[in-house]
Amino acid sequence: MKQIHKGWYTRGYLPHFDGDEILQFVTFRLYDPLPKNLIERWRTELLREETGEIEIALRKRIEEYLDQGHGNCYLWRKEIAKIMQNALIFLNGGKYHLISWVIMPNHVHFLARILPSHSLSSIMKSLKGFTAREANKMLGRKGAFWQEDYFDRYIRNERHYLATIAYIENNPVKAKLCEKKEDWIFGSASKNNP
């Protein structure tokens, strides 16, 4: 069955782009590291302060905040990070071509080419649903595991593509979780991953 792509759409908070076989950079986070009122406060501040692109400045603040390790950081636990890693790799080749990825203590980044007959929204529903059930089972808890929404950005050109891979793979270094990107075991740059 051929997937009908939506183009630009929103699920209430963030804009998303769903198109045929495009490269997508996706970020999603656990349910608790970033309070909604903090995002709203930053957005209000940026409306007063910024003359440039507010969404880019907001994304930068969010990424810096997440890298500080706020929230429960369930993905810091190796057995939970392994669930996420296995799910990302399992969908590779079937729903997307996975190019680069990293699992941080409270969020995940990945870059993939979405395959025909699949939409980013259906991939995210599958990925987040499965990993939430498995992680909650392992943690002996119930309820939300992931933040409801996710951030996605389609790749515009080769420069953007290379910068995105560098950003993803160097995120653990930037967050001071390791010295070299190859040392972070839950990422595509790891010397231990295929």
Protein backbone atom coordinates (compact mmCIF):
# COMPACT_ATOMS: atom_id res chain seq x y z
CA MET A 1 0.00 0.00 0.00
CA LYS A 2 1.43 3.36 -1.02
CA GLN A 3 1.85 5.82 1.84
CA ILE A 4 0.32 9.26 1.30
CA HIS A 5 2.76 11.86 2.58
CA LYS A 6 1.38 14.83 4.45
CA GLY A 7 4.01 17.47 3.67
CA TRP A 8 4.01 20.06 6.49
CA TYR A 9 1.69 19.29 9.40
CA THR A 10 1.49 19.67 13.17
CA ARG A 11 0.34 17.47 16.01
CA GLY A 12 -0.38 20.52 18.16
CA TYR A 13 3.05 21.69 19.29
CA LEU A 14 5.87 21.18 16.79
CA PRO A 15 5.73 21.40 13.00
CA HIS A 16 6.69 18.23 11.11
CA PHE A 17 7.53 17.46 7.51
CA ASP A 18 6.58 14.13 6.00
CA GLY A 19 7.78 13.56 2.44
CA ASP A 20 8.82 10.75 0.17
CA GLU A 21 12.36 9.37 0.73
CA ILE A 22 13.85 12.44 2.36
CA LEU A 23 16.61 12.55 4.92
CA GLN A 24 15.21 13.36 8.36
CA PHE A 25 17.06 14.42 11.50
CA VAL A 26 14.90 13.41 14.48
CA THR A 27 15.19 14.19 18.19
CA PHE A 28 12.90 12.83 20.86
CA ARG A 29 13.19 12.87 24.63
CA LEU A 30 11.93 11.17 27.75
CA TYR A 31 8.74 12.52 29.29
CA ASP A 32 10.33 14.45 32.14
CA PRO A 33 13.61 16.29 31.43
CA LEU A 34 12.11 19.53 30.13
CA PRO A 35 9.08 21.17 31.78
CA LYS A 36 6.60 22.65 29.30
CA ASN A 37 6.43 25.92 31.27
CA LEU A 38 10.20 26.34 30.79
CA ILE A 39 9.83 26.06 27.01
CA GLU A 40 7.01 28.61 27.08
CA ARG A 41 9.12 30.98 29.21
CA TRP A 42 12.04 30.69 26.77
CA ARG A 43 9.74 31.28 23.82
CA THR A 44 8.39 34.46 25.46
CA GLU A 45 11.92 35.66 26.26
CA LEU A 46 13.07 34.99 22.70
CA LEU A 47 10.10 36.88 21.26
CA ARG A 48 11.29 39.93 23.22
CA GLU A 49 15.04 39.49 22.66
CA GLU A 50 15.62 37.88 19.30
CA THR A 51 15.37 39.48 15.90
CA GLY A 52 16.43 36.30 14.09
CA GLU A 53 14.99 32.82 13.89
CA ILE A 54 13.25 32.14 17.21
CA GLU A 55 12.79 28.40 16.62
CA ILE A 56 16.53 27.91 16.02
CA ALA A 57 17.40 29.79 19.21
CA LEU A 58 14.78 27.80 21.12
CA ARG A 59 16.15 24.49 19.78
CA LYS A 60 19.64 25.52 20.93
CA ARG A 61 18.39 26.24 24.47
CA ILE A 62 16.51 22.93 24.56
CA GLU A 63 19.55 20.93 23.40
CA GLU A 64 21.83 22.63 25.94
CA TYR A 65 19.33 21.95 28.71
CA LEU A 66 18.91 18.28 27.75
CA ASP A 67 22.69 17.80 27.63
CA GLN A 68 22.85 18.84 31.30
CA GLY A 69 21.13 15.57 32.21
CA HIS A 70 17.82 16.74 33.68
CA GLY A 71 15.03 14.28 34.48
CA ASN A 72 15.16 10.58 35.30
CA CYS A 73 17.68 9.81 32.53
CA TYR A 74 16.45 6.24 32.16
CA LEU A 75 18.53 5.89 28.99
CA TRP A 76 21.66 6.16 31.14
CA ARG A 77 20.92 2.58 32.22
CA LYS A 78 22.64 0.27 29.74
CA GLU A 79 19.80 -2.24 29.57
CA ILE A 80 17.31 0.53 28.67
CA ALA A 81 19.68 2.13 26.13
CA LYS A 82 20.15 -1.33 24.59
CA ILE A 83 16.37 -1.62 24.04
CA MET A 84 16.44 1.70 22.17
CA GLN A 85 19.56 0.77 20.19
CA ASN A 86 18.10 -2.59 19.14
CA ALA A 87 14.83 -0.95 18.04
CA LEU A 88 16.65 1.68 15.93
CA ILE A 89 18.74 -1.02 14.26
CA PHE A 90 15.79 -3.40 13.81
CA LEU A 91 13.85 -0.85 11.72
CA ASN A 92 16.93 -0.10 9.59
CA GLY A 93 16.40 -1.39 6.08
CA GLY A 94 12.69 -2.02 6.59
CA LYS A 95 11.29 1.44 7.33
CA TYR A 96 14.34 3.64 6.86
CA HIS A 97 18.05 3.64 6.11
CA LEU A 98 19.70 4.61 9.39
CA ILE A 99 22.69 6.87 8.81
CA SER A 100 23.70 8.22 12.21
CA TRP A 101 22.31 7.95 15.75
CA VAL A 102 23.08 8.48 19.41
CA ILE A 103 21.26 7.56 22.61
CA MET A 104 21.84 10.16 25.31
CA PRO A 105 20.72 9.77 28.97
CA ASN A 106 17.42 11.60 28.39
CA HIS A 107 17.01 11.91 24.61
CA VAL A 108 17.76 10.29 21.26
CA HIS A 109 18.97 11.72 17.93
CA PHE A 110 18.96 9.92 14.62
CA LEU A 111 19.39 10.69 10.94
CA ALA A 112 17.64 8.42 8.45
CA ARG A 113 16.31 8.25 4.92
CA ILE A 114 12.65 7.32 5.21
CA LEU A 115 11.76 4.53 2.77
CA PRO A 116 8.79 4.63 0.38
CA SER A 117 5.45 3.52 1.82
CA HIS A 118 6.49 4.62 5.33
CA SER A 119 5.87 7.92 7.08
CA LEU A 120 7.93 9.48 9.82
CA SER A 121 4.87 9.69 12.07
CA SER A 122 4.18 5.93 11.75
CA ILE A 123 7.86 5.14 12.35
CA MET A 124 7.92 7.29 15.47
CA LYS A 125 4.70 5.74 16.78
CA SER A 126 6.15 2.26 16.31
CA LEU A 127 9.58 3.10 17.70
CA LYS A 128 8.38 5.01 20.74
CA GLY A 129 5.51 2.63 21.49
CA PHE A 130 7.65 -0.50 21.47
CA THR A 131 10.55 0.99 23.43
CA ALA A 132 8.23 2.57 26.03
CA ARG A 133 6.48 -0.76 26.70
CA GLU A 134 9.77 -2.66 26.97
CA ALA A 135 11.52 -0.03 29.11
CA ASN A 136 8.56 0.36 31.46
CA LYS A 137 8.41 -3.43 31.85
CA MET A 138 12.12 -3.53 32.69
CA LEU A 139 11.80 -0.59 35.09
CA GLY A 140 8.68 -2.01 36.75
CA ARG A 141 6.71 1.17 36.08
CA LYS A 142 3.67 2.36 34.15
CA GLY A 143 2.78 5.57 32.40
CA ALA A 144 4.46 7.93 29.98
CA PHE A 145 8.02 7.10 29.03
CA TRP A 146 8.56 9.45 26.06
CA GLN A 147 7.52 13.06 25.56
CA GLU A 148 4.46 12.94 23.31
CA ASP A 149 5.97 14.90 20.42
CA TYR A 150 9.33 14.83 18.63
CA PHE A 151 11.44 17.29 16.68
CA ASP A 152 12.28 16.59 13.05
CA ARG A 153 14.14 18.49 10.39
CA TYR A 154 14.66 17.44 6.81
CA ILE A 155 18.17 17.72 5.41
CA ARG A 156 18.53 20.52 2.86
CA ASN A 157 21.93 19.89 1.28
CA GLU A 158 25.28 18.12 1.69
CA ARG A 159 26.66 20.71 4.10
CA HIS A 160 23.60 20.31 6.35
CA TYR A 161 23.93 16.50 6.05
CA LEU A 162 27.57 16.49 7.20
CA ALA A 163 26.91 19.00 9.99
CA THR A 164 24.02 16.88 11.26
CA ILE A 165 26.13 13.71 11.40
CA ALA A 166 28.87 15.61 13.24
CA TYR A 167 26.31 17.04 15.68
CA ILE A 168 24.76 13.64 16.41
CA GLU A 169 28.04 11.78 16.85
CA ASN A 170 29.69 14.49 18.93
CA ASN A 171 26.72 15.07 21.25
CA PRO A 172 28.13 12.83 24.04
CA VAL A 173 31.46 14.69 23.87
CA LYS A 174 29.73 18.09 23.97
CA ALA A 175 27.70 16.91 26.98
CA LYS A 176 30.97 15.79 28.67
CA LEU A 177 29.90 12.14 28.83
CA CYS A 178 33.08 10.94 27.10
CA GLU A 179 36.28 12.36 25.61
CA LYS A 180 36.00 10.93 22.09
CA LYS A 181 32.85 10.16 20.11
CA GLU A 182 34.10 6.60 19.51
CA ASP A 183 34.02 5.96 23.27
CA TRP A 184 30.23 6.42 23.60
CA ILE A 185 28.86 2.90 23.21
CA PHE A 186 25.29 3.85 22.30
CA GLY A 187 25.90 5.68 19.07
CA SER A 188 26.82 5.13 15.46
CA ALA A 189 30.33 6.50 16.04
CA SER A 190 31.12 3.82 18.63
CA LYS A 191 34.04 1.55 17.84
CA ASN A 192 31.84 -1.31 19.16
CA ASN A 193 28.94 -0.90 16.70
CA PRO A 194 28.67 -2.41 13.21
